[in-house]
């Protein structure tokens, strides 16, 4: 394919669709990561013989990681698209601003930042 044709294929998605795709990808990857983290943690003695409390704990951890990753992905792509639209440029500054805002938002929401 000609490079000029690739440019048109790249911009087919609207900014809203890119934001939804970023949040969805974050949700899926966060859920998978939450599953892995839940299997690495040691199960308390009370839950070793009973399956339901361990399953509930695993599902909560999967949901927590999934929603955190979805928030990071959605905020990052959304802010990046807003900055790109506002500046009328496509460069690394858009991604840097998006990353800063996503990190500050999620860390501030989680209570890590003062």
N, C-alpha and C. Protein backbone atom coordinates (compact mmCIF):
# COMPACT_ATOMS: atom_id res chain seq x y z
N UNK A 1 0.83 -1.18 0.00
CA UNK A 1 0.00 0.00 0.00
C UNK A 1 0.87 1.25 0.00
N UNK A 2 0.37 2.28 -0.61
CA UNK A 2 1.06 3.56 -0.67
C UNK A 2 0.98 4.25 0.71
N UNK A 3 2.06 4.89 1.17
CA UNK A 3 2.02 5.56 2.49
C UNK A 3 0.92 6.61 2.61
N UNK A 4 0.57 7.27 1.50
CA UNK A 4 -0.49 8.27 1.59
C UNK A 4 -1.85 7.61 1.84
N UNK A 5 -2.04 6.37 1.37
CA UNK A 5 -3.28 5.65 1.62
C UNK A 5 -3.35 5.18 3.07
N UNK A 6 -2.21 4.83 3.66
CA UNK A 6 -2.19 4.38 5.05
C UNK A 6 -2.63 5.50 6.00
N UNK A 7 -2.30 6.73 5.65
CA UNK A 7 -2.68 7.86 6.50
C UNK A 7 -4.21 7.97 6.59
N UNK A 8 -4.90 7.70 5.49
CA UNK A 8 -6.36 7.79 5.52
C UNK A 8 -6.97 6.65 6.31
N UNK A 9 -6.38 5.46 6.26
CA UNK A 9 -6.88 4.34 7.05
C UNK A 9 -6.67 4.57 8.54
N UNK A 10 -5.61 5.25 8.89
CA UNK A 10 -5.29 5.49 10.29
C UNK A 10 -6.30 6.40 10.96
N UNK A 11 -6.86 7.35 10.25
CA UNK A 11 -7.77 8.33 10.82
C UNK A 11 -9.24 7.99 10.63
N UNK A 12 -9.55 6.72 10.42
CA UNK A 12 -10.95 6.32 10.23
C UNK A 12 -11.76 6.44 11.51
N UNK A 13 -11.15 6.17 12.64
CA UNK A 13 -11.87 6.20 13.91
C UNK A 13 -12.06 7.63 14.40
N UNK A 14 -13.20 7.86 15.01
CA UNK A 14 -13.46 9.15 15.63
C UNK A 14 -12.76 9.18 16.99
N UNK A 15 -12.54 10.36 17.54
CA UNK A 15 -11.91 10.43 18.87
C UNK A 15 -12.71 9.67 19.94
N UNK A 16 -14.03 9.69 19.87
CA UNK A 16 -14.84 8.96 20.84
C UNK A 16 -14.63 7.46 20.70
N UNK A 17 -14.55 6.97 19.46
CA UNK A 17 -14.33 5.54 19.25
C UNK A 17 -12.95 5.12 19.74
N UNK A 18 -11.95 5.97 19.53
CA UNK A 18 -10.61 5.66 20.03
C UNK A 18 -10.60 5.60 21.56
N UNK A 19 -11.34 6.50 22.20
CA UNK A 19 -11.41 6.51 23.66
C UNK A 19 -12.10 5.24 24.17
N UNK A 20 -13.17 4.83 23.52
CA UNK A 20 -13.88 3.60 23.91
C UNK A 20 -12.98 2.39 23.71
N UNK A 21 -12.25 2.36 22.60
CA UNK A 21 -11.34 1.24 22.37
C UNK A 21 -10.23 1.20 23.41
N UNK A 22 -9.71 2.36 23.80
CA UNK A 22 -8.67 2.40 24.83
C UNK A 22 -9.17 1.93 26.18
N UNK A 23 -10.38 2.35 26.54
CA UNK A 23 -10.96 1.92 27.81
C UNK A 23 -11.28 0.42 27.79
N UNK A 24 -11.76 -0.09 26.68
CA UNK A 24 -12.07 -1.51 26.57
C UNK A 24 -10.82 -2.35 26.64
N UNK A 25 -9.77 -1.92 25.94
CA UNK A 25 -8.51 -2.65 26.00
C UNK A 25 -7.95 -2.63 27.42
N UNK A 26 -8.07 -1.49 28.10
CA UNK A 26 -7.62 -1.40 29.48
C UNK A 26 -8.41 -2.32 30.40
N UNK A 27 -9.71 -2.41 30.19
CA UNK A 27 -10.55 -3.29 31.00
C UNK A 27 -10.15 -4.75 30.83
N UNK A 28 -9.95 -5.15 29.58
CA UNK A 28 -9.59 -6.55 29.31
C UNK A 28 -8.21 -6.87 29.89
N UNK A 29 -7.23 -6.01 29.62
CA UNK A 29 -5.87 -6.29 30.11
C UNK A 29 -5.81 -6.20 31.63
N UNK A 30 -6.54 -5.27 32.23
CA UNK A 30 -6.57 -5.17 33.69
C UNK A 30 -7.23 -6.37 34.34
N UNK A 31 -8.26 -6.90 33.72
CA UNK A 31 -8.93 -8.08 34.25
C UNK A 31 -7.99 -9.29 34.21
N UNK A 32 -7.27 -9.43 33.11
CA UNK A 32 -6.31 -10.53 33.00
C UNK A 32 -5.19 -10.36 34.03
N UNK A 33 -4.69 -9.14 34.18
CA UNK A 33 -3.64 -8.87 35.15
C UNK A 33 -4.15 -9.11 36.58
N UNK A 34 -5.39 -8.73 36.86
CA UNK A 34 -5.98 -8.97 38.17
C UNK A 34 -6.11 -10.45 38.48
N UNK A 35 -6.41 -11.24 37.47
CA UNK A 35 -6.49 -12.69 37.65
C UNK A 35 -5.13 -13.26 38.03
N UNK A 36 -4.09 -12.81 37.33
CA UNK A 36 -2.74 -13.29 37.61
C UNK A 36 -2.31 -12.88 39.02
N UNK A 37 -2.57 -11.64 39.40
CA UNK A 37 -2.19 -11.16 40.74
C UNK A 37 -2.96 -11.93 41.81
N UNK A 38 -4.22 -12.22 41.56
CA UNK A 38 -5.02 -12.95 42.55
C UNK A 38 -4.51 -14.38 42.74
N UNK A 39 -3.99 -14.99 41.68
CA UNK A 39 -3.46 -16.34 41.83
C UNK A 39 -2.11 -16.34 42.53
N UNK A 40 -1.37 -15.26 42.47
CA UNK A 40 -0.06 -15.18 43.14
C UNK A 40 -0.18 -14.98 44.65
N UNK A 41 -1.27 -14.39 45.09
CA UNK A 41 -1.40 -14.09 46.51
C UNK A 41 -1.75 -15.35 47.29
N UNK A 42 -1.25 -15.39 48.50
CA UNK A 42 -1.49 -16.54 49.37
C UNK A 42 -2.92 -16.49 49.91
N UNK A 43 -3.57 -17.62 49.93
CA UNK A 43 -4.95 -17.71 50.40
C UNK A 43 -4.94 -17.83 51.93
N UNK A 44 -5.75 -17.04 52.64
CA UNK A 44 -5.80 -17.17 54.09
C UNK A 44 -6.26 -18.56 54.51
N UNK A 45 -5.89 -18.96 55.71
CA UNK A 45 -6.21 -20.29 56.21
C UNK A 45 -7.71 -20.58 56.25
N UNK A 46 -8.49 -19.58 56.54
CA UNK A 46 -9.94 -19.78 56.65
C UNK A 46 -10.53 -20.15 55.29
N UNK A 47 -9.97 -19.62 54.20
CA UNK A 47 -10.54 -19.81 52.87
C UNK A 47 -9.95 -21.01 52.13
N UNK A 48 -9.03 -21.72 52.69
CA UNK A 48 -8.35 -22.79 51.95
C UNK A 48 -9.28 -23.95 51.58
N UNK A 49 -10.20 -24.30 52.44
CA UNK A 49 -11.07 -25.44 52.18
C UNK A 49 -12.42 -25.04 51.58
N UNK A 50 -12.70 -23.74 51.54
CA UNK A 50 -13.98 -23.26 51.02
C UNK A 50 -13.71 -22.46 49.75
N UNK A 51 -14.39 -22.79 48.66
CA UNK A 51 -14.09 -22.18 47.37
C UNK A 51 -14.73 -20.80 47.20
N UNK A 52 -15.91 -20.59 47.74
CA UNK A 52 -16.65 -19.35 47.45
C UNK A 52 -15.95 -18.08 47.94
N UNK A 53 -15.44 -17.98 49.15
CA UNK A 53 -14.76 -16.75 49.55
C UNK A 53 -13.52 -16.44 48.70
N UNK A 54 -12.78 -17.48 48.32
CA UNK A 54 -11.63 -17.28 47.45
C UNK A 54 -12.04 -16.79 46.07
N UNK A 55 -13.13 -17.32 45.56
CA UNK A 55 -13.63 -16.90 44.25
C UNK A 55 -14.11 -15.45 44.29
N UNK A 56 -14.80 -15.10 45.36
CA UNK A 56 -15.29 -13.72 45.50
C UNK A 56 -14.12 -12.75 45.60
N UNK A 57 -13.09 -13.12 46.37
CA UNK A 57 -11.90 -12.28 46.49
C UNK A 57 -11.21 -12.11 45.14
N UNK A 58 -11.12 -13.20 44.38
CA UNK A 58 -10.50 -13.14 43.05
C UNK A 58 -11.30 -12.25 42.12
N UNK A 59 -12.62 -12.38 42.12
CA UNK A 59 -13.46 -11.56 41.25
C UNK A 59 -13.37 -10.07 41.62
N UNK A 60 -13.30 -9.77 42.91
CA UNK A 60 -13.16 -8.38 43.33
C UNK A 60 -11.83 -7.80 42.86
N UNK A 61 -10.78 -8.60 42.98
CA UNK A 61 -9.46 -8.13 42.54
C UNK A 61 -9.43 -7.94 41.03
N UNK A 62 -10.05 -8.85 40.29
CA UNK A 62 -10.13 -8.72 38.83
C UNK A 62 -10.87 -7.45 38.45
N UNK A 63 -12.00 -7.19 39.12
CA UNK A 63 -12.78 -5.99 38.83
C UNK A 63 -12.04 -4.72 39.18
N UNK A 64 -11.33 -4.72 40.30
CA UNK A 64 -10.58 -3.55 40.73
C UNK A 64 -9.47 -3.20 39.73
N UNK A 65 -8.67 -4.21 39.36
CA UNK A 65 -7.62 -3.97 38.38
C UNK A 65 -8.21 -3.60 37.01
N UNK A 66 -9.28 -4.28 36.62
CA UNK A 66 -9.90 -3.99 35.32
C UNK A 66 -10.41 -2.57 35.22
N UNK A 67 -11.09 -2.10 36.26
CA UNK A 67 -11.62 -0.73 36.23
C UNK A 67 -10.50 0.31 36.29
N UNK A 68 -9.45 0.02 37.05
CA UNK A 68 -8.32 0.95 37.11
C UNK A 68 -7.64 1.07 35.76
N UNK A 69 -7.38 -0.06 35.11
CA UNK A 69 -6.75 -0.03 33.79
C UNK A 69 -7.67 0.61 32.75
N UNK A 70 -8.97 0.37 32.85
CA UNK A 70 -9.92 0.99 31.92
C UNK A 70 -9.94 2.49 32.10
N UNK A 71 -9.88 2.97 33.34
CA UNK A 71 -9.85 4.41 33.58
C UNK A 71 -8.57 5.02 33.03
N UNK A 72 -7.45 4.37 33.25
CA UNK A 72 -6.19 4.89 32.72
C UNK A 72 -6.23 4.96 31.20
N UNK A 73 -6.67 3.87 30.56
CA UNK A 73 -6.72 3.85 29.10
C UNK A 73 -7.69 4.87 28.52
N UNK A 74 -8.88 4.96 29.11
CA UNK A 74 -9.88 5.90 28.60
C UNK A 74 -9.47 7.35 28.78
N UNK A 75 -8.95 7.69 29.96
CA UNK A 75 -8.53 9.08 30.22
C UNK A 75 -7.33 9.43 29.35
N UNK A 76 -6.38 8.51 29.22
CA UNK A 76 -5.20 8.79 28.40
C UNK A 76 -5.57 9.08 26.94
N UNK A 77 -6.32 8.19 26.33
CA UNK A 77 -6.68 8.37 24.92
C UNK A 77 -7.60 9.58 24.75
N UNK A 78 -8.54 9.76 25.66
CA UNK A 78 -9.45 10.90 25.55
C UNK A 78 -8.73 12.23 25.63
N UNK A 79 -7.83 12.38 26.60
CA UNK A 79 -7.08 13.63 26.73
C UNK A 79 -6.14 13.81 25.55
N UNK A 80 -5.52 12.73 25.11
CA UNK A 80 -4.63 12.82 23.95
C UNK A 80 -5.39 13.32 22.72
N UNK A 81 -6.60 12.81 22.51
CA UNK A 81 -7.40 13.25 21.36
C UNK A 81 -7.86 14.70 21.51
N UNK A 82 -8.21 15.10 22.74
CA UNK A 82 -8.61 16.50 22.97
C UNK A 82 -7.45 17.46 22.70
N UNK A 83 -6.27 17.11 23.19
CA UNK A 83 -5.11 17.98 22.98
C UNK A 83 -4.74 18.02 21.50
N UNK A 84 -4.84 16.87 20.83
CA UNK A 84 -4.55 16.84 19.39
C UNK A 84 -5.53 17.72 18.63
N UNK A 85 -6.79 17.67 18.99
CA UNK A 85 -7.80 18.50 18.32
C UNK A 85 -7.57 19.98 18.61
N UNK A 86 -7.23 20.29 19.85
CA UNK A 86 -7.02 21.69 20.24
C UNK A 86 -5.76 22.28 19.60
N UNK A 87 -4.67 21.52 19.60
CA UNK A 87 -3.40 22.03 19.06
C UNK A 87 -3.30 21.91 17.54
N UNK A 88 -4.12 21.07 16.95
CA UNK A 88 -4.07 20.79 15.51
C UNK A 88 -2.71 20.23 15.09
N UNK A 89 -2.09 19.47 15.97
CA UNK A 89 -0.80 18.82 15.70
C UNK A 89 -0.87 17.39 16.19
N UNK A 90 -0.02 16.56 15.58
CA UNK A 90 0.12 15.18 16.01
C UNK A 90 1.56 14.93 16.35
N UNK A 91 1.91 15.04 17.63
CA UNK A 91 3.28 14.80 18.04
C UNK A 91 3.31 14.22 19.45
N UNK A 92 4.52 14.10 20.01
CA UNK A 92 4.68 13.44 21.30
C UNK A 92 4.09 14.22 22.46
N UNK A 93 3.87 15.52 22.28
CA UNK A 93 3.32 16.34 23.36
C UNK A 93 1.91 15.89 23.72
N UNK A 94 1.14 15.49 22.73
CA UNK A 94 -0.23 15.02 22.99
C UNK A 94 -0.21 13.81 23.92
N UNK A 95 0.66 12.85 23.63
CA UNK A 95 0.76 11.67 24.47
C UNK A 95 1.30 11.97 25.86
N UNK A 96 2.24 12.91 25.94
CA UNK A 96 2.81 13.28 27.24
C UNK A 96 1.75 13.94 28.12
N UNK A 97 0.96 14.83 27.56
CA UNK A 97 -0.10 15.48 28.33
C UNK A 97 -1.16 14.45 28.73
N UNK A 98 -1.52 13.56 27.81
CA UNK A 98 -2.49 12.51 28.12
C UNK A 98 -2.01 11.59 29.23
N UNK A 99 -0.75 11.21 29.19
CA UNK A 99 -0.18 10.35 30.22
C UNK A 99 -0.14 11.03 31.57
N UNK A 100 0.23 12.32 31.58
CA UNK A 100 0.27 13.05 32.84
C UNK A 100 -1.11 13.16 33.46
N UNK A 101 -2.09 13.52 32.66
CA UNK A 101 -3.45 13.69 33.18
C UNK A 101 -4.02 12.34 33.64
N UNK A 102 -3.79 11.28 32.87
CA UNK A 102 -4.29 9.96 33.26
C UNK A 102 -3.65 9.50 34.56
N UNK A 103 -2.36 9.66 34.68
CA UNK A 103 -1.68 9.26 35.91
C UNK A 103 -2.12 10.06 37.11
N UNK A 104 -2.22 11.37 36.93
CA UNK A 104 -2.63 12.23 38.05
C UNK A 104 -4.07 11.96 38.45
N UNK A 105 -4.93 11.71 37.50
CA UNK A 105 -6.34 11.45 37.79
C UNK A 105 -6.51 10.14 38.55
N UNK A 106 -5.91 9.09 38.05
CA UNK A 106 -6.09 7.78 38.68
C UNK A 106 -5.38 7.72 40.02
N UNK A 107 -4.16 8.25 40.11
CA UNK A 107 -3.46 8.25 41.39
C UNK A 107 -4.16 9.14 42.41
N UNK A 108 -4.69 10.26 41.96
CA UNK A 108 -5.45 11.13 42.86
C UNK A 108 -6.73 10.48 43.33
N UNK A 109 -7.40 9.75 42.45
CA UNK A 109 -8.62 9.06 42.83
C UNK A 109 -8.35 7.93 43.81
N UNK A 110 -7.26 7.22 43.61
CA UNK A 110 -6.91 6.11 44.48
C UNK A 110 -6.41 6.60 45.84
N UNK A 111 -6.07 7.89 45.95
CA UNK A 111 -5.63 8.43 47.23
C UNK A 111 -4.14 8.35 47.45
N UNK A 112 -3.38 8.10 46.40
CA UNK A 112 -1.92 8.02 46.54
C UNK A 112 -1.32 9.40 46.61
N UNK A 113 -1.86 10.32 45.83
CA UNK A 113 -1.39 11.70 45.86
C UNK A 113 -2.08 12.45 46.99
N UNK A 114 -1.40 13.40 47.61
CA UNK A 114 -2.04 14.15 48.72
C UNK A 114 -3.16 15.04 48.27
